[in-house]
C-alpha atoms as a PDB file:
ATOM      1  CA  MET A   1     -11.373 182.575  41.405  1.00  0.00           C
ATOM      2  CA  SER A   2      -9.450 179.731  43.010  1.00  0.00           C
ATOM      3  CA  ILE A   3      -6.128 178.493  41.680  1.00  0.00           C
ATOM      4  CA  LYS A   4      -6.445 175.169  39.872  1.00  0.00           C
ATOM      5  CA  LEU A   5      -3.923 172.368  40.329  1.00  0.00           C
ATOM      6  CA  PRO A   6      -2.081 171.940  37.023  1.00  0.00           C
ATOM      7  CA  VAL A   7      -2.165 168.373  35.712  1.00  0.00           C
ATOM      8  CA  LYS A   8      -0.349 168.870  32.377  1.00  0.00           C
ATOM      9  CA  CYS A   9       3.085 170.371  31.755  1.00  0.00           C
ATOM     10  CA  PRO A  10       2.619 173.867  30.333  1.00  0.00           C
ATOM     11  CA  SER A  11       5.624 173.297  28.070  1.00  0.00           C
ATOM     12  CA  CYS A  12       5.118 169.826  26.553  1.00  0.00           C
ATOM     13  CA  GLU A  13       1.630 168.739  27.748  1.00  0.00           C
ATOM     14  CA  SER A  14       3.027 165.643  29.555  1.00  0.00           C
ATOM     15  CA  GLU A  15       1.409 164.459  32.779  1.00  0.00           C
ATOM     16  CA  LEU A  16       2.676 166.044  35.992  1.00  0.00           C
ATOM     17  CA  VAL A  17       3.394 164.214  39.274  1.00  0.00           C
ATOM     18  CA  ALA A  18       3.473 165.513  42.836  1.00  0.00           C
ATOM     19  CA  ILE A  19       6.933 165.457  44.394  1.00  0.00           C
ATOM     20  CA  GLN A  20       6.248 167.094  47.732  1.00  0.00           C
ATOM     21  CA  LEU A  21       3.350 167.285  50.179  1.00  0.00           C
ATOM     22  CA  LYS A  22       3.229 169.465  53.284  1.00  0.00           C
ATOM     23  CA  CYS A  23       1.070 169.484  56.401  1.00  0.00           C
ATOM     24  CA  ASN A  24      -0.122 173.041  57.059  1.00  0.00           C
ATOM     25  CA  HIS A  25      -0.659 172.194  60.730  1.00  0.00           C
ATOM     26  CA  CYS A  26       2.736 170.862  61.827  1.00  0.00           C
ATOM     27  CA  GLU A  27       4.856 171.782  58.788  1.00  0.00           C
ATOM     28  CA  THR A  28       5.882 168.149  58.150  1.00  0.00           C
ATOM     29  CA  THR A  29       6.995 167.679  54.541  1.00  0.00           C
ATOM     30  CA  VAL A  30       6.881 164.399  52.631  1.00  0.00           C
ATOM     31  CA  SER A  31       8.934 164.098  49.441  1.00  0.00           C
ATOM     32  CA  GLY A  32       8.691 161.426  46.782  1.00  0.00           C
ATOM     33  CA  ASN A  33       7.286 160.774  43.335  1.00  0.00           C
ATOM     34  CA  PHE A  34       3.515 160.507  43.719  1.00  0.00           C
ATOM     35  CA  PRO A  35       1.258 159.957  40.702  1.00  0.00           C
ATOM     36  CA  LEU A  36      -1.903 162.029  40.685  1.00  0.00           C
ATOM     37  CA  PRO A  37      -5.151 160.172  41.474  1.00  0.00           C
ATOM     38  CA  GLU A  38      -7.215 159.216  38.423  1.00  0.00           C
ATOM     39  CA  LEU A  39      -9.747 162.030  38.809  1.00  0.00           C
ATOM     40  CA  LEU A  40      -7.018 164.659  39.104  1.00  0.00           C
ATOM     41  CA  GLN A  41      -5.562 163.460  35.809  1.00  0.00           C
ATOM     42  CA  LEU A  42      -8.721 164.663  34.065  1.00  0.00           C
ATOM     43  CA  SER A  43      -9.138 168.200  32.798  1.00  0.00           C
ATOM     44  CA  TYR A  44     -10.907 170.734  34.996  1.00  0.00           C
ATOM     45  CA  GLU A  45     -13.962 170.571  32.692  1.00  0.00           C
ATOM     46  CA  GLU A  46     -14.069 166.766  32.943  1.00  0.00           C
ATOM     47  CA  GLN A  47     -13.833 166.983  36.739  1.00  0.00           C
ATOM     48  CA  GLU A  48     -16.695 169.503  36.755  1.00  0.00           C
ATOM     49  CA  PHE A  49     -18.793 167.172  34.601  1.00  0.00           C
ATOM     50  CA  ILE A  50     -18.228 164.286  37.025  1.00  0.00           C
ATOM     51  CA  LEU A  51     -19.039 166.495  40.018  1.00  0.00           C
ATOM     52  CA  SER A  52     -22.262 167.678  38.349  1.00  0.00           C
ATOM     53  CA  PHE A  53     -23.136 164.061  37.517  1.00  0.00           C
ATOM     54  CA  PHE A  54     -22.587 163.090  41.151  1.00  0.00           C
ATOM     55  CA  MET A  55     -24.619 166.053  42.461  1.00  0.00           C
ATOM     56  CA  SER A  56     -27.493 165.153  40.128  1.00  0.00           C
ATOM     57  CA  SER A  57     -27.527 161.632  41.644  1.00  0.00           C
ATOM     58  CA  GLY A  58     -26.320 160.168  38.365  1.00  0.00           C
ATOM     59  CA  SER A  59     -29.356 161.383  36.421  1.00  0.00           C
ATOM     60  CA  LEU A  60     -28.434 161.783  32.771  1.00  0.00           C
ATOM     61  CA  LYS A  61     -31.783 163.472  32.186  1.00  0.00           C
ATOM     62  CA  GLU A  62     -30.990 166.099  34.826  1.00  0.00           C
ATOM     63  CA  MET A  63     -27.487 166.516  33.385  1.00  0.00           C
ATOM     64  CA  SER A  64     -29.019 167.052  29.965  1.00  0.00           C
ATOM     65  CA  ASN A  65     -31.214 169.841  31.330  1.00  0.00           C
ATOM     66  CA  LEU A  66     -28.354 171.362  33.337  1.00  0.00           C
ATOM     67  CA  LEU A  67     -25.942 171.422  30.389  1.00  0.00           C
ATOM     68  CA  LYS A  68     -28.665 172.271  27.859  1.00  0.00           C
ATOM     69  CA  VAL A  69     -27.622 169.448  25.538  1.00  0.00           C
ATOM     70  CA  SER A  70     -29.351 166.293  24.396  1.00  0.00           C
ATOM     71  CA  TYR A  71     -29.483 163.133  26.484  1.00  0.00           C
ATOM     72  CA  PRO A  72     -27.366 161.197  23.917  1.00  0.00           C
ATOM     73  CA  THR A  73     -24.711 163.940  24.051  1.00  0.00           C
ATOM     74  CA  VAL A  74     -24.483 163.593  27.834  1.00  0.00           C
ATOM     75  CA  ARG A  75     -24.382 159.792  27.515  1.00  0.00           C
ATOM     76  CA  ASN A  76     -21.565 159.998  24.939  1.00  0.00           C
ATOM     77  CA  HIS A  77     -19.581 162.407  27.110  1.00  0.00           C
ATOM     78  CA  LEU A  78     -19.958 160.083  30.094  1.00  0.00           C
ATOM     79  CA  ASP A  79     -18.922 157.068  27.997  1.00  0.00           C
ATOM     80  CA  ASP A  80     -15.846 158.986  26.788  1.00  0.00           C
ATOM     81  CA  LEU A  81     -14.891 159.812  30.381  1.00  0.00           C
ATOM     82  CA  ILE A  82     -15.337 156.188  31.441  1.00  0.00           C
ATOM     83  CA  GLU A  83     -12.989 155.084  28.640  1.00  0.00           C
ATOM     84  CA  LYS A  84     -10.447 157.764  29.536  1.00  0.00           C
ATOM     85  CA  ILE A  85     -10.421 156.697  33.201  1.00  0.00           C
ATOM     86  CA  LYS A  86     -10.047 153.026  32.167  1.00  0.00           C
ATOM     87  CA  LYS A  87      -6.987 153.957  30.093  1.00  0.00           C
ATOM     88  CA  ILE A  88      -5.515 155.941  32.982  1.00  0.00           C
ATOM     89  CA  LYS A  89      -5.993 152.966  35.301  1.00  0.00           C
ATOM     90  CA  GLU A  90      -4.419 150.587  32.747  1.00  0.00           C
ATOM     91  CA  ASN A  91      -1.357 152.839  32.455  1.00  0.00           C
ATOM     92  CA  GLU A  92      -0.890 152.726  36.229  1.00  0.00           C
ATOM     93  CA  ASN A  93      -0.483 148.942  36.222  1.00  0.00           C
END
């Protein structure tokens, strides 16, 4: 099992930010206050849903079969994710 990048504070559930990045090749380190990209601000399950949607070429019917849920359920989940990403983008501005 791979280690997942935490996106929420384990103590208070606030959003986390990256403060340091490192090149594994030359050991250069960059420090700052970097917000996470929109997709990384989603839960692991939401990211998996989007990846599955992408891999199914955006077919809600295929997603419905894959997840073993109804087409409207998949559509509603996708609509919820779209709204969540819109809110994340609005908060960045």
